[in-house]
PDB file of N, CA and C in Angstrom:
ATOM      1  N   GLN A   1    -127.749 154.713-117.048  1.00  0.00           N
ATOM      2  CA  GLN A   1    -126.427 154.238-117.409  1.00  0.00           C
ATOM      3  C   GLN A   1    -126.449 153.677-118.817  1.00  0.00           C
ATOM      4  N   VAL A   2    -125.310 153.676-119.449  1.00  0.00           N
ATOM      5  CA  VAL A   2    -125.142 153.189-120.823  1.00  0.00           C
ATOM      6  C   VAL A   2    -124.000 152.215-120.853  1.00  0.00           C
ATOM      7  N   GLN A   3    -124.157 151.120-121.584  1.00  0.00           N
ATOM      8  CA  GLN A   3    -123.120 150.167-121.767  1.00  0.00           C
ATOM      9  C   GLN A   3    -122.811 150.094-123.261  1.00  0.00           C
ATOM     10  N   LEU A   4    -121.494 150.027-123.599  1.00  0.00           N
ATOM     11  CA  LEU A   4    -121.075 149.950-124.968  1.00  0.00           C
ATOM     12  C   LEU A   4    -120.313 148.624-125.177  1.00  0.00           C
ATOM     13  N   VAL A   5    -120.740 147.889-126.163  1.00  0.00           N
ATOM     14  CA  VAL A   5    -120.113 146.601-126.434  1.00  0.00           C
ATOM     15  C   VAL A   5    -119.553 146.647-127.840  1.00  0.00           C
ATOM     16  N   GLU A   6    -118.270 146.423-127.960  1.00  0.00           N
ATOM     17  CA  GLU A   6    -117.591 146.497-129.260  1.00  0.00           C
ATOM     18  C   GLU A   6    -117.330 145.125-129.814  1.00  0.00           C
ATOM     19  N   SER A   7    -117.247 145.061-131.141  1.00  0.00           N
ATOM     20  CA  SER A   7    -116.854 143.840-131.795  1.00  0.00           C
ATOM     21  C   SER A   7    -116.051 144.194-133.038  1.00  0.00           C
ATOM     22  N   GLY A   8    -115.295 143.251-133.525  1.00  0.00           N
ATOM     23  CA  GLY A   8    -114.429 143.461-134.669  1.00  0.00           C
ATOM     24  C   GLY A   8    -113.001 143.606-134.198  1.00  0.00           C
ATOM     25  N   GLY A   9    -112.160 144.174-135.032  1.00  0.00           N
ATOM     26  CA  GLY A   9    -110.747 144.282-134.686  1.00  0.00           C
ATOM     27  C   GLY A   9    -110.041 142.993-135.087  1.00  0.00           C
ATOM     28  N   GLY A  10    -108.748 143.015-134.845  1.00  0.00           N
ATOM     29  CA  GLY A  10    -107.905 141.873-135.190  1.00  0.00           C
ATOM     30  C   GLY A  10    -106.611 142.296-135.884  1.00  0.00           C
ATOM     31  N   VAL A  11    -106.065 141.343-136.557  1.00  0.00           N
ATOM     32  CA  VAL A  11    -104.763 141.567-137.290  1.00  0.00           C
ATOM     33  C   VAL A  11    -105.016 141.539-138.780  1.00  0.00           C
ATOM     34  N   VAL A  12    -104.459 142.513-139.453  1.00  0.00           N
ATOM     35  CA  VAL A  12    -104.652 142.572-140.915  1.00  0.00           C
ATOM     36  C   VAL A  12    -103.342 143.085-141.557  1.00  0.00           C
ATOM     37  N   GLN A  13    -103.130 142.713-142.777  1.00  0.00           N
ATOM     38  CA  GLN A  13    -101.973 143.195-143.511  1.00  0.00           C
ATOM     39  C   GLN A  13    -102.199 144.591-144.022  1.00  0.00           C
ATOM     40  N   PRO A  14    -101.131 145.338-144.257  1.00  0.00           N
ATOM     41  CA  PRO A  14    -101.276 146.696-144.802  1.00  0.00           C
ATOM     42  C   PRO A  14    -102.101 146.637-146.113  1.00  0.00           C
ATOM     43  N   GLY A  15    -103.008 147.618-146.227  1.00  0.00           N
ATOM     44  CA  GLY A  15    -103.916 147.667-147.347  1.00  0.00           C
ATOM     45  C   GLY A  15    -105.186 146.915-147.147  1.00  0.00           C
ATOM     46  N   GLY A  16    -105.290 146.164-146.065  1.00  0.00           N
ATOM     47  CA  GLY A  16    -106.448 145.376-145.809  1.00  0.00           C
ATOM     48  C   GLY A  16    -107.608 146.170-145.182  1.00  0.00           C
ATOM     49  N   SER A  17    -108.665 145.455-144.818  1.00  0.00           N
ATOM     50  CA  SER A  17    -109.883 146.101-144.300  1.00  0.00           C
ATOM     51  C   SER A  17    -110.337 145.400-143.041  1.00  0.00           C
ATOM     52  N   LEU A  18    -110.986 146.165-142.190  1.00  0.00           N
ATOM     53  CA  LEU A  18    -111.609 145.667-140.993  1.00  0.00           C
ATOM     54  C   LEU A  18    -112.867 146.468-140.729  1.00  0.00           C
ATOM     55  N   THR A  19    -113.780 145.879-140.013  1.00  0.00           N
ATOM     56  CA  THR A  19    -114.988 146.584-139.584  1.00  0.00           C
ATOM     57  C   THR A  19    -115.160 146.452-138.085  1.00  0.00           C
ATOM     58  N   LEU A  20    -115.357 147.590-137.416  1.00  0.00           N
ATOM     59  CA  LEU A  20    -115.629 147.631-136.002  1.00  0.00           C
ATOM     60  C   LEU A  20    -117.071 148.041-135.797  1.00  0.00           C
ATOM     61  N   SER A  21    -117.733 147.360-134.844  1.00  0.00           N
ATOM     62  CA  SER A  21    -119.111 147.677-134.502  1.00  0.00           C
ATOM     63  C   SER A  21    -119.227 147.922-133.006  1.00  0.00           C
ATOM     64  N   CYS A  22    -120.182 148.780-132.666  1.00  0.00           N
ATOM     65  CA  CYS A  22    -120.414 149.096-131.259  1.00  0.00           C
ATOM     66  C   CYS A  22    -121.907 149.261-131.073  1.00  0.00           C
ATOM     67  N   VAL A  23    -122.400 148.530-130.062  1.00  0.00           N
ATOM     68  CA  VAL A  23    -123.798 148.592-129.712  1.00  0.00           C
ATOM     69  C   VAL A  23    -123.951 149.176-128.340  1.00  0.00           C
ATOM     70  N   ALA A  24    -124.796 150.172-128.225  1.00  0.00           N
ATOM     71  CA  ALA A  24    -125.086 150.781-126.895  1.00  0.00           C
ATOM     72  C   ALA A  24    -126.389 150.235-126.359  1.00  0.00           C
ATOM     73  N   SER A  25    -126.405 149.964-125.059  1.00  0.00           N
ATOM     74  CA  SER A  25    -127.598 149.513-124.394  1.00  0.00           C
ATOM     75  C   SER A  25    -127.798 150.351-123.129  1.00  0.00           C
ATOM     76  N   GLY A  26    -128.988 150.250-122.574  1.00  0.00           N
ATOM     77  CA  GLY A  26    -129.278 151.023-121.384  1.00  0.00           C
ATOM     78  C   GLY A  26    -130.053 152.257-121.783  1.00  0.00           C
ATOM     79  N   ASP A  27    -129.692 153.390-121.250  1.00  0.00           N
ATOM     80  CA  ASP A  27    -130.387 154.653-121.489  1.00  0.00           C
ATOM     81  C   ASP A  27    -129.979 155.270-122.828  1.00  0.00           C
ATOM     82  N   ILE A  28    -130.295 154.563-123.928  1.00  0.00           N
ATOM     83  CA  ILE A  28    -129.788 155.013-125.216  1.00  0.00           C
ATOM     84  C   ILE A  28    -130.460 156.275-125.725  1.00  0.00           C
ATOM     85  N   GLY A  29    -131.587 156.569-125.159  1.00  0.00           N
ATOM     86  CA  GLY A  29    -132.305 157.779-125.545  1.00  0.00           C
ATOM     87  C   GLY A  29    -131.561 159.053-125.116  1.00  0.00           C
ATOM     88  N   SER A  30    -130.613 158.919-124.187  1.00  0.00           N
ATOM     89  CA  SER A  30    -129.847 160.051-123.682  1.00  0.00           C
ATOM     90  C   SER A  30    -128.650 160.403-124.525  1.00  0.00           C
ATOM     91  N   LEU A  31    -128.331 159.556-125.505  1.00  0.00           N
ATOM     92  CA  LEU A  31    -127.086 159.692-126.201  1.00  0.00           C
ATOM     93  C   LEU A  31    -127.154 160.693-127.335  1.00  0.00           C
ATOM     94  N   THR A  32    -126.100 161.408-127.563  1.00  0.00           N
ATOM     95  CA  THR A  32    -126.010 162.309-128.685  1.00  0.00           C
ATOM     96  C   THR A  32    -124.890 161.861-129.604  1.00  0.00           C
ATOM     97  N   VAL A  33    -123.731 162.344-129.492  1.00  0.00           N
ATOM     98  CA  VAL A  33    -122.594 161.991-130.364  1.00  0.00           C
ATOM     99  C   VAL A  33    -122.104 160.598-130.011  1.00  0.00           C
ATOM    100  N   MET A  34    -121.864 159.764-131.037  1.00  0.00           N
ATOM    101  CA  MET A  34    -121.207 158.487-130.863  1.00  0.00           C
ATOM    102  C   MET A  34    -120.041 158.420-131.853  1.00  0.00           C
ATOM    103  N   GLY A  35    -119.056 157.627-131.479  1.00  0.00           N
ATOM    104  CA  GLY A  35    -117.934 157.511-132.404  1.00  0.00           C
ATOM    105  C   GLY A  35    -116.853 156.601-131.920  1.00  0.00           C
ATOM    106  N   TRP A  36    -115.690 156.738-132.494  1.00  0.00           N
ATOM    107  CA  TRP A  36    -114.545 155.889-132.169  1.00  0.00           C
ATOM    108  C   TRP A  36    -113.298 156.749-131.907  1.00  0.00           C
ATOM    109  N   TYR A  37    -112.589 156.366-130.867  1.00  0.00           N
ATOM    110  CA  TYR A  37    -111.257 156.890-130.572  1.00  0.00           C
ATOM    111  C   TYR A  37    -110.253 155.755-130.691  1.00  0.00           C
ATOM    112  N   ARG A  38    -108.998 156.131-130.717  1.00  0.00           N
ATOM    113  CA  ARG A  38    -107.948 155.108-130.712  1.00  0.00           C
ATOM    114  C   ARG A  38    -106.765 155.591-129.896  1.00  0.00           C
ATOM    115  N   GLN A  39    -106.023 154.635-129.395  1.00  0.00           N
ATOM    116  CA  GLN A  39    -104.836 154.960-128.620  1.00  0.00           C
ATOM    117  C   GLN A  39    -103.727 154.016-128.972  1.00  0.00           C
ATOM    118  N   ALA A  40    -102.679 154.517-129.559  1.00  0.00           N
ATOM    119  CA  ALA A  40    -101.497 153.704-129.865  1.00  0.00           C
ATOM    120  C   ALA A  40    -100.529 153.710-128.689  1.00  0.00           C
ATOM    121  N   PRO A  41     -99.662 152.745-128.580  1.00  0.00           N
ATOM    122  CA  PRO A  41     -98.742 152.684-127.464  1.00  0.00           C
ATOM    123  C   PRO A  41     -97.896 153.970-127.401  1.00  0.00           C
ATOM    124  N   GLY A  42     -97.864 154.558-126.194  1.00  0.00           N
ATOM    125  CA  GLY A  42     -97.071 155.743-125.963  1.00  0.00           C
ATOM    126  C   GLY A  42     -97.674 157.033-126.494  1.00  0.00           C
ATOM    127  N   LYS A  43     -98.906 156.945-126.995  1.00  0.00           N
ATOM    128  CA  LYS A  43     -99.586 158.120-127.569  1.00  0.00           C
ATOM    129  C   LYS A  43    -100.840 158.437-126.842  1.00  0.00           C
ATOM    130  N   LYS A  44    -101.322 159.642-126.996  1.00  0.00           N
ATOM    131  CA  LYS A  44    -102.559 160.037-126.371  1.00  0.00           C
ATOM    132  C   LYS A  44    -103.771 159.465-127.183  1.00  0.00           C
ATOM    133  N   ARG A  45    -104.861 159.302-126.493  1.00  0.00           N
ATOM    134  CA  ARG A  45    -106.075 158.854-127.192  1.00  0.00           C
ATOM    135  C   ARG A  45    -106.531 159.965-128.126  1.00  0.00           C
ATOM    136  N   GLU A  46    -106.904 159.603-129.351  1.00  0.00           N
ATOM    137  CA  GLU A  46    -107.365 160.565-130.333  1.00  0.00           C
ATOM    138  C   GLU A  46    -108.668 160.149-130.924  1.00  0.00           C
ATOM    139  N   VAL A  47    -109.469 161.131-131.306  1.00  0.00           N
ATOM    140  CA  VAL A  47    -110.738 160.821-131.972  1.00  0.00           C
ATOM    141  C   VAL A  47    -110.446 160.375-133.367  1.00  0.00           C
ATOM    142  N   VAL A  48    -111.130 159.326-133.821  1.00  0.00           N
ATOM    143  CA  VAL A  48    -110.968 158.847-135.187  1.00  0.00           C
ATOM    144  C   VAL A  48    -112.140 159.338-136.040  1.00  0.00           C
ATOM    145  N   ALA A  49    -113.349 159.116-135.554  1.00  0.00           N
ATOM    146  CA  ALA A  49    -114.515 159.544-136.270  1.00  0.00           C
ATOM    147  C   ALA A  49    -115.686 159.640-135.307  1.00  0.00           C
ATOM    148  N   SER A  50    -116.589 160.543-135.570  1.00  0.00           N
ATOM    149  CA  SER A  50    -117.727 160.724-134.708  1.00  0.00           C
ATOM    150  C   SER A  50    -118.950 161.113-135.558  1.00  0.00           C
ATOM    151  N   THR A  51    -120.112 160.843-135.014  1.00  0.00           N
ATOM    152  CA  THR A  51    -121.294 161.173-135.734  1.00  0.00           C
ATOM    153  C   THR A  51    -122.404 161.638-134.791  1.00  0.00           C
ATOM    154  N   GLY A  52    -123.158 162.644-135.190  1.00  0.00           N
ATOM    155  CA  GLY A  52    -124.243 163.146-134.370  1.00  0.00           C
ATOM    156  C   GLY A  52    -125.538 162.368-134.617  1.00  0.00           C
ATOM    157  N   GLU A  53    -126.588 162.807-133.997  1.00  0.00           N
ATOM    158  CA  GLU A  53    -127.870 162.114-134.129  1.00  0.00           C
ATOM    159  C   GLU A  53    -128.418 162.183-135.553  1.00  0.00           C
ATOM    160  N   LYS A  54    -128.072 163.227-136.253  1.00  0.00           N
ATOM    161  CA  LYS A  54    -128.564 163.411-137.614  1.00  0.00           C
ATOM    162  C   LYS A  54    -127.674 162.713-138.658  1.00  0.00           C
ATOM    163  N   GLY A  55    -126.663 161.994-138.200  1.00  0.00           N
ATOM    164  CA  GLY A  55    -125.845 161.265-139.128  1.00  0.00           C
ATOM    165  C   GLY A  55    -124.721 162.032-139.746  1.00  0.00           C
ATOM    166  N   ASN A  56    -124.471 163.243-139.307  1.00  0.00           N
ATOM    167  CA  ASN A  56    -123.351 164.035-139.843  1.00  0.00           C
ATOM    168  C   ASN A  56    -122.070 163.527-139.176  1.00  0.00           C
ATOM    169  N   SER A  57    -121.092 163.120-139.988  1.00  0.00           N
ATOM    170  CA  SER A  57    -119.862 162.503-139.460  1.00  0.00           C
ATOM    171  C   SER A  57    -118.669 163.402-139.690  1.00  0.00           C
ATOM    172  N   CYS A  58    -117.706 163.268-138.779  1.00  0.00           N
ATOM    173  CA  CYS A  58    -116.433 163.942-138.849  1.00  0.00           C
ATOM    174  C   CYS A  58    -115.337 162.938-138.710  1.00  0.00           C
ATOM    175  N   TYR A  59    -114.204 163.181-139.356  1.00  0.00           N
ATOM    176  CA  TYR A  59    -113.058 162.259-139.346  1.00  0.00           C
ATOM    177  C   TYR A  59    -111.795 162.993-139.089  1.00  0.00           C
ATOM    178  N   VAL A  60    -110.839 162.313-138.421  1.00  0.00           N
ATOM    179  CA  VAL A  60    -109.490 162.873-138.314  1.00  0.00           C
ATOM    180  C   VAL A  60    -108.882 162.808-139.696  1.00  0.00           C
ATOM    181  N   ASP A  61    -108.063 163.770-140.007  1.00  0.00           N
ATOM    182  CA  ASP A  61    -107.502 163.903-141.385  1.00  0.00           C
ATOM    183  C   ASP A  61    -106.859 162.634-141.896  1.00  0.00           C
ATOM    184  N   SER A  62    -106.189 161.943-140.976  1.00  0.00           N
ATOM    185  CA  SER A  62    -105.406 160.744-141.438  1.00  0.00           C
ATOM    186  C   SER A  62    -106.246 159.611-141.924  1.00  0.00           C
ATOM    187  N   VAL A  63    -107.562 159.602-141.622  1.00  0.00           N
ATOM    188  CA  VAL A  63    -108.412 158.488-142.016  1.00  0.00           C
ATOM    189  C   VAL A  63    -109.450 158.860-143.061  1.00  0.00           C
ATOM    190  N   THR A  64    -109.566 160.146-143.339  1.00  0.00           N
ATOM    191  CA  THR A  64    -110.553 160.578-144.330  1.00  0.00           C
ATOM    192  C   THR A  64    -110.349 159.840-145.624  1.00  0.00           C
ATOM    193  N   VAL A  65    -111.451 159.419-146.233  1.00  0.00           N
ATOM    194  CA  VAL A  65    -111.487 158.614-147.467  1.00  0.00           C
ATOM    195  C   VAL A  65    -111.301 157.145-147.174  1.00  0.00           C
ATOM    196  N   ARG A  66    -110.404 156.778-146.233  1.00  0.00           N
ATOM    197  CA  ARG A  66    -110.164 155.353-145.992  1.00  0.00           C
ATOM    198  C   ARG A  66    -111.159 154.741-145.035  1.00  0.00           C
ATOM    199  N   PHE A  67    -111.694 155.521-144.084  1.00  0.00           N
ATOM    200  CA  PHE A  67    -112.646 155.021-143.090  1.00  0.00           C
ATOM    201  C   PHE A  67    -114.033 155.605-143.326  1.00  0.00           C
ATOM    202  N   ALA A  68    -115.060 154.817-142.982  1.00  0.00           N
ATOM    203  CA  ALA A  68    -116.441 155.284-143.140  1.00  0.00           C
ATOM    204  C   ALA A  68    -117.201 154.931-141.875  1.00  0.00           C
ATOM    205  N   LEU A  69    -117.863 155.916-141.271  1.00  0.00           N
ATOM    206  CA  LEU A  69    -118.625 155.686-140.056  1.00  0.00           C
ATOM    207  C   LEU A  69    -120.100 155.756-140.358  1.00  0.00           C
ATOM    208  N   SER A  70    -120.838 154.816-139.810  1.00  0.00           N
ATOM    209  CA  SER A  70    -122.292 154.849-139.994  1.00  0.00           C
ATOM    210  C   SER A  70    -122.978 154.576-138.654  1.00  0.00           C
ATOM    211  N   ARG A  71    -124.215 155.049-138.568  1.00  0.00           N
ATOM    212  CA  ARG A  71    -124.994 154.915-137.317  1.00  0.00           C
ATOM    213  C   ARG A  71    -126.369 154.386-137.680  1.00  0.00           C
ATOM    214  N   SER A  72    -126.846 153.465-136.864  1.00  0.00           N
ATOM    215  CA  SER A  72    -128.160 152.871-137.158  1.00  0.00           C
ATOM    216  C   SER A  72    -129.248 153.960-137.171  1.00  0.00           C
ATOM    217  N   ALA A  73    -130.149 153.855-138.115  1.00  0.00           N
ATOM    218  CA  ALA A  73    -131.131 154.925-138.316  1.00  0.00           C
ATOM    219  C   ALA A  73    -132.260 154.882-137.315  1.00  0.00           C
ATOM    220  N   ALA A  74    -132.648 153.663-136.895  1.00  0.00           N
ATOM    221  CA  ALA A  74    -133.835 153.550-136.029  1.00  0.00           C
ATOM    222  C   ALA A  74    -133.527 153.967-134.595  1.00  0.00           C
ATOM    223  N   LEU A  75    -132.806 153.107-133.910  1.00  0.00           N
ATOM    224  CA  LEU A  75    -132.533 153.373-132.481  1.00  0.00           C
ATOM    225  C   LEU A  75    -131.306 154.270-132.293  1.00  0.00           C
ATOM    226  N   LYS A  76    -130.522 154.424-133.335  1.00  0.00           N
ATOM    227  CA  LYS A  76    -129.338 155.239-133.248  1.00  0.00           C
ATOM    228  C   LYS A  76    -128.358 154.775-132.155  1.00  0.00           C
ATOM    229  N   ASN A  77    -128.375 153.491-131.875  1.00  0.00           N
ATOM    230  CA  ASN A  77    -127.547 152.982-130.783  1.00  0.00           C
ATOM    231  C   ASN A  77    -126.392 152.144-131.262  1.00  0.00           C
ATOM    232  N   THR A  78    -126.203 152.040-132.558  1.00  0.00           N
ATOM    233  CA  THR A  78    -125.120 151.224-133.121  1.00  0.00           C
ATOM    234  C   THR A  78    -124.307 152.092-134.089  1.00  0.00           C
ATOM    235  N   VAL A  79    -123.009 152.038-133.877  1.00  0.00           N
ATOM    236  CA  VAL A  79    -122.114 152.702-134.832  1.00  0.00           C
ATOM    237  C   VAL A  79    -121.146 151.645-135.388  1.00  0.00           C
ATOM    238  N   THR A  80    -120.917 151.793-136.703  1.00  0.00           N
ATOM    239  CA  THR A  80    -120.018 150.863-137.389  1.00  0.00           C
ATOM    240  C   THR A  80    -118.935 151.641-138.103  1.00  0.00           C
ATOM    241  N   LEU A  81    -117.696 151.230-137.907  1.00  0.00           N
ATOM    242  CA  LEU A  81    -116.562 151.877-138.553  1.00  0.00           C
ATOM    243  C   LEU A  81    -115.954 150.906-139.565  1.00  0.00           C
ATOM    244  N   GLN A  82    -116.113 151.219-140.833  1.00  0.00           N
ATOM    245  CA  GLN A  82    -115.519 150.417-141.871  1.00  0.00           C
ATOM    246  C   GLN A  82    -114.173 151.016-142.213  1.00  0.00           C
ATOM    247  N   MET A  83    -113.150 150.213-142.056  1.00  0.00           N
ATOM    248  CA  MET A  83    -111.798 150.704-142.287  1.00  0.00           C
ATOM    249  C   MET A  83    -111.168 149.944-143.446  1.00  0.00           C
ATOM    250  N   SER A  84    -110.646 150.715-144.417  1.00  0.00           N
ATOM    251  CA  SER A  84    -110.006 150.111-145.578  1.00  0.00           C
ATOM    252  C   SER A  84    -108.665 150.820-145.796  1.00  0.00           C
ATOM    253  N   GLY A  85    -107.849 150.242-146.612  1.00  0.00           N
ATOM    254  CA  GLY A  85    -106.509 150.833-146.846  1.00  0.00           C
ATOM    255  C   GLY A  85    -105.743 150.994-145.581  1.00  0.00           C
ATOM    256  N   LEU A  86    -105.844 150.017-144.723  1.00  0.00           N
ATOM    257  CA  LEU A  86    -105.195 150.127-143.380  1.00  0.00           C
ATOM    258  C   LEU A  86    -103.694 150.195-143.501  1.00  0.00           C
ATOM    259  N   ARG A  87    -103.128 150.980-142.638  1.00  0.00           N
ATOM    260  CA  ARG A  87    -101.668 151.229-142.606  1.00  0.00           C
ATOM    261  C   ARG A  87    -101.125 150.834-141.247  1.00  0.00           C
ATOM    262  N   PRO A  88     -99.851 150.562-141.162  1.00  0.00           N
ATOM    263  CA  PRO A  88     -99.248 150.219-139.841  1.00  0.00           C
ATOM    264  C   PRO A  88     -99.501 151.304-138.788  1.00  0.00           C
ATOM    265  N   ASP A  89     -99.604 152.545-139.196  1.00  0.00           N
ATOM    266  CA  ASP A  89     -99.844 153.601-138.184  1.00  0.00           C
ATOM    267  C   ASP A  89    -101.271 153.664-137.744  1.00  0.00           C
ATOM    268  N   ASP A  90    -102.127 152.823-138.262  1.00  0.00           N
ATOM    269  CA  ASP A  90    -103.501 152.716-137.753  1.00  0.00           C
ATOM    270  C   ASP A  90    -103.540 151.739-136.581  1.00  0.00           C
ATOM    271  N   THR A  91    -102.457 151.048-136.311  1.00  0.00           N
ATOM    272  CA  THR A  91    -102.404 150.095-135.201  1.00  0.00           C
ATOM    273  C   THR A  91    -102.641 150.816-133.891  1.00  0.00           C
ATOM    274  N   ALA A  92    -103.617 150.340-133.133  1.00  0.00           N
ATOM    275  CA  ALA A  92    -104.000 150.977-131.869  1.00  0.00           C
ATOM    276  C   ALA A  92    -105.120 150.165-131.241  1.00  0.00           C
ATOM    277  N   VAL A  93    -105.418 150.508-130.016  1.00  0.00           N
ATOM    278  CA  VAL A  93    -106.627 150.015-129.365  1.00  0.00           C
ATOM    279  C   VAL A  93    -107.748 151.026-129.740  1.00  0.00           C
ATOM    280  N   TYR A  94    -108.821 150.520-130.270  1.00  0.00           N
ATOM    281  CA  TYR A  94    -109.934 151.393-130.689  1.00  0.00           C
ATOM    282  C   TYR A  94    -111.031 151.321-129.649  1.00  0.00           C
ATOM    283  N   PHE A  95    -111.541 152.486-129.233  1.00  0.00           N
ATOM    284  CA  PHE A  95    -112.557 152.572-128.226  1.00  0.00           C
ATOM    285  C   PHE A  95    -113.794 153.225-128.793  1.00  0.00           C
ATOM    286  N   CYS A  96    -114.960 152.581-128.539  1.00  0.00           N
ATOM    287  CA  CYS A  96    -116.223 153.189-128.888  1.00  0.00           C
ATOM    288  C   CYS A  96    -116.558 154.219-127.797  1.00  0.00           C
ATOM    289  N   SER A  97    -117.177 155.303-128.213  1.00  0.00           N
ATOM    290  CA  SER A  97    -117.589 156.351-127.250  1.00  0.00           C
ATOM    291  C   SER A  97    -118.985 156.801-127.529  1.00  0.00           C
ATOM    292  N   ALA A  98    -119.635 157.283-126.481  1.00  0.00           N
ATOM    293  CA  ALA A  98    -120.958 157.891-126.617  1.00  0.00           C
ATOM    294  C   ALA A  98    -121.099 158.985-125.589  1.00  0.00           C
ATOM    295  N   GLN A  99    -121.739 160.041-125.956  1.00  0.00           N
ATOM    296  CA  GLN A  99    -121.835 161.200-125.079  1.00  0.00           C
ATOM    297  C   GLN A  99    -123.266 161.385-124.640  1.00  0.00           C
ATOM    298  N   HIS A 100    -123.421 161.652-123.359  1.00  0.00           N
ATOM    299  CA  HIS A 100    -124.774 161.898-122.793  1.00  0.00           C
ATOM    300  C   HIS A 100    -125.225 163.308-123.202  1.00  0.00           C
ATOM    301  N   GLN A 101    -126.442 163.375-123.696  1.00  0.00           N
ATOM    302  CA  GLN A 101    -126.942 164.594-124.225  1.00  0.00           C
ATOM    303  C   GLN A 101    -127.069 165.701-123.182  1.00  0.00           C
ATOM    304  N   ALA A 102    -127.495 165.364-121.998  1.00  0.00           N
ATOM    305  CA  ALA A 102    -127.771 166.361-120.961  1.00  0.00           C
ATOM    306  C   ALA A 102    -126.503 166.745-120.185  1.00  0.00           C
ATOM    307  N   THR A 103    -125.747 165.774-119.797  1.00  0.00           N
ATOM    308  CA  THR A 103    -124.589 166.019-118.933  1.00  0.00           C
ATOM    309  C   THR A 103    -123.300 166.255-119.683  1.00  0.00           C
ATOM    310  N   GLY A 104    -123.195 165.749-120.924  1.00  0.00           N
ATOM    311  CA  GLY A 104    -121.986 165.826-121.682  1.00  0.00           C
ATOM    312  C   GLY A 104    -120.998 164.764-121.284  1.00  0.00           C
ATOM    313  N   ASP A 105    -121.350 163.883-120.348  1.00  0.00           N
ATOM    314  CA  ASP A 105    -120.434 162.817-119.911  1.00  0.00           C
ATOM    315  C   ASP A 105    -120.210 161.849-121.062  1.00  0.00           C
ATOM    316  N   PHE A 106    -119.004 161.262-121.095  1.00  0.00           N
ATOM    317  CA  PHE A 106    -118.671 160.247-122.083  1.00  0.00           C
ATOM    318  C   PHE A 106    -118.768 158.845-121.463  1.00  0.00           C
ATOM    319  N   TYR A 107    -119.274 157.937-122.266  1.00  0.00           N
ATOM    320  CA  TYR A 107    -119.232 156.543-121.951  1.00  0.00           C
ATOM    321  C   TYR A 107    -118.246 155.863-122.885  1.00  0.00           C
ATOM    322  N   TRP A 108    -117.579 154.806-122.397  1.00  0.00           N
ATOM    323  CA  TRP A 108    -116.539 154.161-123.202  1.00  0.00           C
ATOM    324  C   TRP A 108    -116.752 152.656-123.270  1.00  0.00           C
ATOM    325  N   GLY A 109    -116.397 152.072-124.394  1.00  0.00           N
ATOM    326  CA  GLY A 109    -116.326 150.625-124.494  1.00  0.00           C
ATOM    327  C   GLY A 109    -115.024 150.123-123.917  1.00  0.00           C
ATOM    328  N   GLN A 110    -114.845 148.813-123.951  1.00  0.00           N
ATOM    329  CA  GLN A 110    -113.670 148.228-123.294  1.00  0.00           C
ATOM    330  C   GLN A 110    -112.453 148.311-124.199  1.00  0.00           C
ATOM    331  N   GLY A 111    -112.619 148.607-125.466  1.00  0.00           N
ATOM    332  CA  GLY A 111    -111.510 148.717-126.392  1.00  0.00           C
ATOM    333  C   GLY A 111    -111.280 147.425-127.161  1.00  0.00           C
ATOM    334  N   THR A 112    -110.878 147.567-128.391  1.00  0.00           N
ATOM    335  CA  THR A 112    -110.600 146.394-129.234  1.00  0.00           C
ATOM    336  C   THR A 112    -109.312 146.676-130.015  1.00  0.00           C
ATOM    337  N   GLN A 113    -108.426 145.697-130.075  1.00  0.00           N
ATOM    338  CA  GLN A 113    -107.118 145.890-130.686  1.00  0.00           C
ATOM    339  C   GLN A 113    -107.215 145.770-132.225  1.00  0.00           C
ATOM    340  N   VAL A 114    -106.599 146.686-132.868  1.00  0.00           N
ATOM    341  CA  VAL A 114    -106.438 146.647-134.324  1.00  0.00           C
ATOM    342  C   VAL A 114    -104.930 146.645-134.603  1.00  0.00           C
ATOM    343  N   THR A 115    -104.437 145.654-135.291  1.00  0.00           N
ATOM    344  CA  THR A 115    -102.997 145.551-135.588  1.00  0.00           C
ATOM    345  C   THR A 115    -102.865 145.449-137.089  1.00  0.00           C
ATOM    346  N   VAL A 116    -102.063 146.317-137.659  1.00  0.00           N
ATOM    347  CA  VAL A 116    -101.817 146.299-139.112  1.00  0.00           C
ATOM    348  C   VAL A 116    -100.305 145.958-139.265  1.00  0.00           C
ATOM    349  N   SER A 117    -100.075 144.793-139.773  1.00  0.00           N
ATOM    350  CA  SER A 117     -98.695 144.314-139.876  1.00  0.00           C
ATOM    351  C   SER A 117     -98.583 143.277-140.979  1.00  0.00           C
ATOM    352  N   SER A 118     -97.426 143.301-141.638  1.00  0.00           N
ATOM    353  CA  SER A 118     -97.155 142.286-142.643  1.00  0.00           C
ATOM    354  C   SER A 118     -96.389 141.113-142.028  1.00  0.00           C
TER     355      SER A 118
END
């Protein structure tokens, strides 16, 4: 089993910055892709950014350049999402995710609220 614990989030004005962190514990050796999803009210959950074991990252078009995802080099069990130039449409609950290498199953964090408002 894998547990994901998120930290960060909060309320920020447009143009501001926030950093989200997620630490995985448990069977971390089984993990492959880790990343962040978000879900705004009334919308489907969407992937924001993800990274593989080799550190190659992908981003949804709307956050490219503004967001940066990193993964710890040693244990590869921590992902950090640095968000800058935040916009009101970035407001959502952000969820950390991790995928099991063998089964393909996804693990999820509890979610953290990000609100961008003046």
